[in-house]
Amino acid sequence: MAYSDQALLSADIDFINRLAACAAVEVDLGEQQPVNWSVENVWFIAAAPGFADAYASAIASGVQRPGNDPSVISDAMILSAVQAHITTP
């Protein structure tokens, strides 16, 4: 994993929106909007094992919108990373 790949993934608006969709269901947000939670936590999720490598591989393969493509980072992967993040003390 290169930090530059993690940085690119954490700035990908498609990925941020998918993360927000997951947060809307999985996270006790209180009054916070899912997109705000997503922006505040995207760096931790983008650091999940395999995420940055999958993203970099997709870019190298010419995938046009890798953050939006569930064949690059699946919804199940996002769900798992979010669940792990919210249960970590």
N, C-alpha and C. Protein backbone atom coordinates (compact mmCIF):
# COMPACT_ATOMS: atom_id res chain seq x y z
N MET A 1 0.84 -1.18 0.00
CA MET A 1 0.00 0.00 0.00
C MET A 1 0.88 1.24 0.00
N ALA A 2 0.57 2.14 -0.87
CA ALA A 2 1.25 3.44 -0.87
C ALA A 2 0.33 4.46 -0.22
N TYR A 3 0.93 5.33 0.56
CA TYR A 3 0.13 6.38 1.21
C TYR A 3 -0.56 7.25 0.17
N SER A 4 0.06 7.41 -0.98
CA SER A 4 -0.57 8.23 -2.03
C SER A 4 -1.86 7.57 -2.53
N ASP A 5 -1.89 6.25 -2.57
CA ASP A 5 -3.12 5.54 -2.98
C ASP A 5 -4.20 5.72 -1.92
N GLN A 6 -3.81 5.63 -0.66
CA GLN A 6 -4.77 5.85 0.42
C GLN A 6 -5.30 7.28 0.37
N ALA A 7 -4.42 8.24 0.09
CA ALA A 7 -4.84 9.64 0.00
C ALA A 7 -5.81 9.85 -1.15
N LEU A 8 -5.53 9.26 -2.30
CA LEU A 8 -6.45 9.38 -3.44
C LEU A 8 -7.81 8.79 -3.11
N LEU A 9 -7.81 7.61 -2.48
CA LEU A 9 -9.07 6.97 -2.12
C LEU A 9 -9.85 7.82 -1.12
N SER A 10 -9.16 8.39 -0.16
CA SER A 10 -9.86 9.18 0.86
C SER A 10 -10.47 10.46 0.30
N ALA A 11 -10.02 10.89 -0.87
CA ALA A 11 -10.55 12.10 -1.51
C ALA A 11 -11.56 11.79 -2.61
N ASP A 12 -11.82 10.52 -2.86
CA ASP A 12 -12.72 10.11 -3.94
C ASP A 12 -14.17 10.31 -3.50
N ILE A 13 -14.86 11.24 -4.12
CA ILE A 13 -16.23 11.58 -3.72
C ILE A 13 -17.18 10.41 -3.88
N ASP A 14 -16.96 9.57 -4.87
CA ASP A 14 -17.81 8.37 -5.02
C ASP A 14 -17.64 7.46 -3.81
N PHE A 15 -16.41 7.25 -3.38
CA PHE A 15 -16.15 6.40 -2.22
C PHE A 15 -16.74 7.04 -0.96
N ILE A 16 -16.57 8.33 -0.81
CA ILE A 16 -17.13 9.04 0.34
C ILE A 16 -18.65 8.88 0.39
N ASN A 17 -19.31 8.97 -0.75
CA ASN A 17 -20.76 8.80 -0.80
C ASN A 17 -21.18 7.37 -0.47
N ARG A 18 -20.43 6.39 -0.93
CA ARG A 18 -20.74 5.00 -0.59
C ARG A 18 -20.53 4.75 0.90
N LEU A 19 -19.50 5.35 1.43
CA LEU A 19 -19.24 5.24 2.86
C LEU A 19 -20.37 5.90 3.66
N ALA A 20 -20.85 7.04 3.20
CA ALA A 20 -21.97 7.72 3.86
C ALA A 20 -23.24 6.86 3.81
N ALA A 21 -23.47 6.19 2.70
CA ALA A 21 -24.64 5.32 2.60
C ALA A 21 -24.56 4.20 3.63
N CYS A 22 -23.39 3.65 3.81
CA CYS A 22 -23.19 2.62 4.82
C CYS A 22 -23.40 3.20 6.22
N ALA A 23 -22.83 4.36 6.48
CA ALA A 23 -22.94 5.00 7.79
C ALA A 23 -24.39 5.31 8.14
N ALA A 24 -25.18 5.67 7.15
CA ALA A 24 -26.59 5.99 7.39
C ALA A 24 -27.34 4.81 8.00
N VAL A 25 -26.89 3.61 7.69
CA VAL A 25 -27.54 2.40 8.19
C VAL A 25 -26.84 1.85 9.43
N GLU A 26 -25.53 1.91 9.45
CA GLU A 26 -24.75 1.19 10.45
C GLU A 26 -24.30 1.99 11.67
N VAL A 27 -24.26 3.31 11.55
CA VAL A 27 -23.66 4.14 12.59
C VAL A 27 -24.74 4.92 13.33
N ASP A 28 -24.63 4.97 14.65
CA ASP A 28 -25.52 5.81 15.45
C ASP A 28 -25.04 7.24 15.29
N LEU A 29 -25.66 7.96 14.39
CA LEU A 29 -25.20 9.29 14.00
C LEU A 29 -25.74 10.41 14.87
N GLY A 30 -26.77 10.15 15.62
CA GLY A 30 -27.39 11.23 16.37
C GLY A 30 -27.89 12.28 15.40
N GLU A 31 -27.45 13.51 15.58
CA GLU A 31 -27.84 14.62 14.71
C GLU A 31 -26.89 14.80 13.52
N GLN A 32 -25.79 14.05 13.50
CA GLN A 32 -24.79 14.20 12.45
C GLN A 32 -25.28 13.60 11.14
N GLN A 33 -24.99 14.27 10.05
CA GLN A 33 -25.34 13.77 8.73
C GLN A 33 -24.35 12.69 8.30
N PRO A 34 -24.82 11.68 7.56
CA PRO A 34 -23.93 10.60 7.13
C PRO A 34 -22.71 11.08 6.33
N VAL A 35 -22.88 12.07 5.48
CA VAL A 35 -21.75 12.56 4.69
C VAL A 35 -20.70 13.20 5.60
N ASN A 36 -21.16 13.92 6.62
CA ASN A 36 -20.19 14.51 7.56
C ASN A 36 -19.41 13.43 8.29
N TRP A 37 -20.10 12.38 8.73
CA TRP A 37 -19.42 11.27 9.39
C TRP A 37 -18.41 10.65 8.44
N SER A 38 -18.84 10.47 7.21
CA SER A 38 -17.99 9.86 6.19
C SER A 38 -16.72 10.67 5.97
N VAL A 39 -16.85 11.97 5.82
CA VAL A 39 -15.69 12.83 5.59
C VAL A 39 -14.75 12.79 6.80
N GLU A 40 -15.32 12.75 8.00
CA GLU A 40 -14.49 12.72 9.22
C GLU A 40 -13.78 11.39 9.42
N ASN A 41 -14.30 10.32 8.85
CA ASN A 41 -13.75 8.99 9.11
C ASN A 41 -13.17 8.29 7.89
N VAL A 42 -13.22 8.92 6.73
CA VAL A 42 -12.79 8.26 5.50
C VAL A 42 -11.34 7.81 5.54
N TRP A 43 -10.47 8.58 6.20
CA TRP A 43 -9.05 8.19 6.25
C TRP A 43 -8.87 6.85 6.94
N PHE A 44 -9.63 6.61 8.01
CA PHE A 44 -9.52 5.35 8.74
C PHE A 44 -10.06 4.19 7.91
N ILE A 45 -11.14 4.43 7.21
CA ILE A 45 -11.71 3.38 6.37
C ILE A 45 -10.81 3.11 5.17
N ALA A 46 -10.27 4.15 4.57
CA ALA A 46 -9.37 3.98 3.42
C ALA A 46 -8.09 3.23 3.80
N ALA A 47 -7.77 3.22 5.09
CA ALA A 47 -6.58 2.51 5.57
C ALA A 47 -6.85 1.04 5.85
N ALA A 48 -8.10 0.61 5.69
CA ALA A 48 -8.41 -0.80 5.92
C ALA A 48 -7.58 -1.68 4.99
N PRO A 49 -7.19 -2.85 5.47
CA PRO A 49 -6.34 -3.73 4.66
C PRO A 49 -6.94 -4.00 3.27
N GLY A 50 -6.14 -3.77 2.26
CA GLY A 50 -6.51 -4.06 0.89
C GLY A 50 -7.20 -2.95 0.13
N PHE A 51 -7.71 -1.95 0.83
CA PHE A 51 -8.48 -0.90 0.16
C PHE A 51 -7.60 -0.09 -0.80
N ALA A 52 -6.52 0.45 -0.32
CA ALA A 52 -5.67 1.30 -1.16
C ALA A 52 -5.06 0.50 -2.32
N ASP A 53 -4.69 -0.74 -2.05
CA ASP A 53 -4.13 -1.58 -3.12
C ASP A 53 -5.17 -1.86 -4.20
N ALA A 54 -6.40 -2.15 -3.80
CA ALA A 54 -7.46 -2.40 -4.78
C ALA A 54 -7.73 -1.14 -5.60
N TYR A 55 -7.72 -0.01 -4.93
CA TYR A 55 -7.97 1.27 -5.61
C TYR A 55 -6.86 1.55 -6.62
N ALA A 56 -5.61 1.37 -6.21
CA ALA A 56 -4.48 1.60 -7.11
C ALA A 56 -4.52 0.67 -8.30
N SER A 57 -4.86 -0.59 -8.07
CA SER A 57 -4.96 -1.56 -9.15
C SER A 57 -6.04 -1.17 -10.14
N ALA A 58 -7.16 -0.67 -9.64
CA ALA A 58 -8.25 -0.25 -10.52
C ALA A 58 -7.83 0.94 -11.37
N ILE A 59 -7.13 1.88 -10.76
CA ILE A 59 -6.65 3.04 -11.53
C ILE A 59 -5.69 2.58 -12.62
N ALA A 60 -4.78 1.69 -12.26
CA ALA A 60 -3.80 1.18 -13.23
C ALA A 60 -4.48 0.41 -14.36
N SER A 61 -5.65 -0.18 -14.07
CA SER A 61 -6.39 -0.94 -15.07
C SER A 61 -7.34 -0.09 -15.90
N GLY A 62 -7.40 1.21 -15.59
CA GLY A 62 -8.23 2.11 -16.37
C GLY A 62 -9.67 2.21 -15.93
N VAL A 63 -9.98 1.77 -14.72
CA VAL A 63 -11.35 1.91 -14.22
C VAL A 63 -11.64 3.40 -14.08
N GLN A 64 -12.72 3.85 -14.68
CA GLN A 64 -13.01 5.28 -14.75
C GLN A 64 -13.42 5.89 -13.41
N ARG A 65 -14.22 5.18 -12.64
CA ARG A 65 -14.70 5.68 -11.33
C ARG A 65 -14.49 4.59 -10.29
N PRO A 66 -13.25 4.36 -9.88
CA PRO A 66 -12.96 3.24 -8.99
C PRO A 66 -13.66 3.32 -7.64
N GLY A 67 -13.89 4.52 -7.13
CA GLY A 67 -14.57 4.66 -5.85
C GLY A 67 -16.04 4.30 -5.90
N ASN A 68 -16.60 4.28 -7.09
CA ASN A 68 -18.02 3.95 -7.27
C ASN A 68 -18.23 2.50 -7.70
N ASP A 69 -17.16 1.81 -7.97
CA ASP A 69 -17.24 0.47 -8.56
C ASP A 69 -17.15 -0.61 -7.48
N PRO A 70 -18.25 -1.32 -7.20
CA PRO A 70 -18.21 -2.35 -6.17
C PRO A 70 -17.33 -3.55 -6.51
N SER A 71 -16.87 -3.64 -7.76
CA SER A 71 -15.93 -4.71 -8.07
C SER A 71 -14.51 -4.33 -7.64
N VAL A 72 -14.29 -3.07 -7.32
CA VAL A 72 -12.99 -2.61 -6.82
C VAL A 72 -12.95 -2.75 -5.30
N ILE A 73 -13.84 -2.06 -4.64
CA ILE A 73 -14.04 -2.18 -3.19
C ILE A 73 -15.52 -2.47 -3.01
N SER A 74 -15.80 -3.66 -2.52
CA SER A 74 -17.20 -4.10 -2.43
C SER A 74 -17.93 -3.45 -1.26
N ASP A 75 -19.25 -3.48 -1.33
CA ASP A 75 -20.06 -2.99 -0.22
C ASP A 75 -19.76 -3.80 1.05
N ALA A 76 -19.53 -5.09 0.89
CA ALA A 76 -19.22 -5.94 2.04
C ALA A 76 -17.90 -5.51 2.70
N MET A 77 -16.93 -5.12 1.88
CA MET A 77 -15.66 -4.63 2.43
C MET A 77 -15.88 -3.33 3.20
N ILE A 78 -16.68 -2.42 2.64
CA ILE A 78 -16.97 -1.16 3.31
C ILE A 78 -17.70 -1.43 4.62
N LEU A 79 -18.71 -2.27 4.57
CA LEU A 79 -19.46 -2.62 5.77
C LEU A 79 -18.55 -3.17 6.86
N SER A 80 -17.69 -4.09 6.49
CA SER A 80 -16.78 -4.70 7.46
C SER A 80 -15.85 -3.65 8.08
N ALA A 81 -15.32 -2.76 7.25
CA ALA A 81 -14.40 -1.73 7.75
C ALA A 81 -15.13 -0.73 8.66
N VAL A 82 -16.36 -0.37 8.30
CA VAL A 82 -17.13 0.54 9.13
C VAL A 82 -17.46 -0.12 10.47
N GLN A 83 -17.92 -1.36 10.43
CA GLN A 83 -18.24 -2.06 11.66
C GLN A 83 -17.01 -2.19 12.57
N ALA A 84 -15.87 -2.49 12.00
CA ALA A 84 -14.65 -2.59 12.78
C ALA A 84 -14.28 -1.22 13.37
N HIS A 85 -14.45 -0.18 12.58
CA HIS A 85 -14.10 1.17 13.04
C HIS A 85 -15.00 1.64 14.17
N ILE A 86 -16.27 1.39 14.10
CA ILE A 86 -17.18 1.89 15.13
C ILE A 86 -17.14 1.06 16.40
N THR A 87 -16.59 -0.14 16.34
CA THR A 87 -16.48 -0.96 17.55
C THR A 87 -15.11 -0.86 18.19
N THR A 88 -14.18 -0.17 17.54
CA THR A 88 -12.85 0.01 18.11
C THR A 88 -12.92 1.10 19.17
N PRO A 89 -12.45 0.78 20.39
CA PRO A 89 -12.52 1.80 21.46
C PRO A 89 -11.63 2.99 21.20
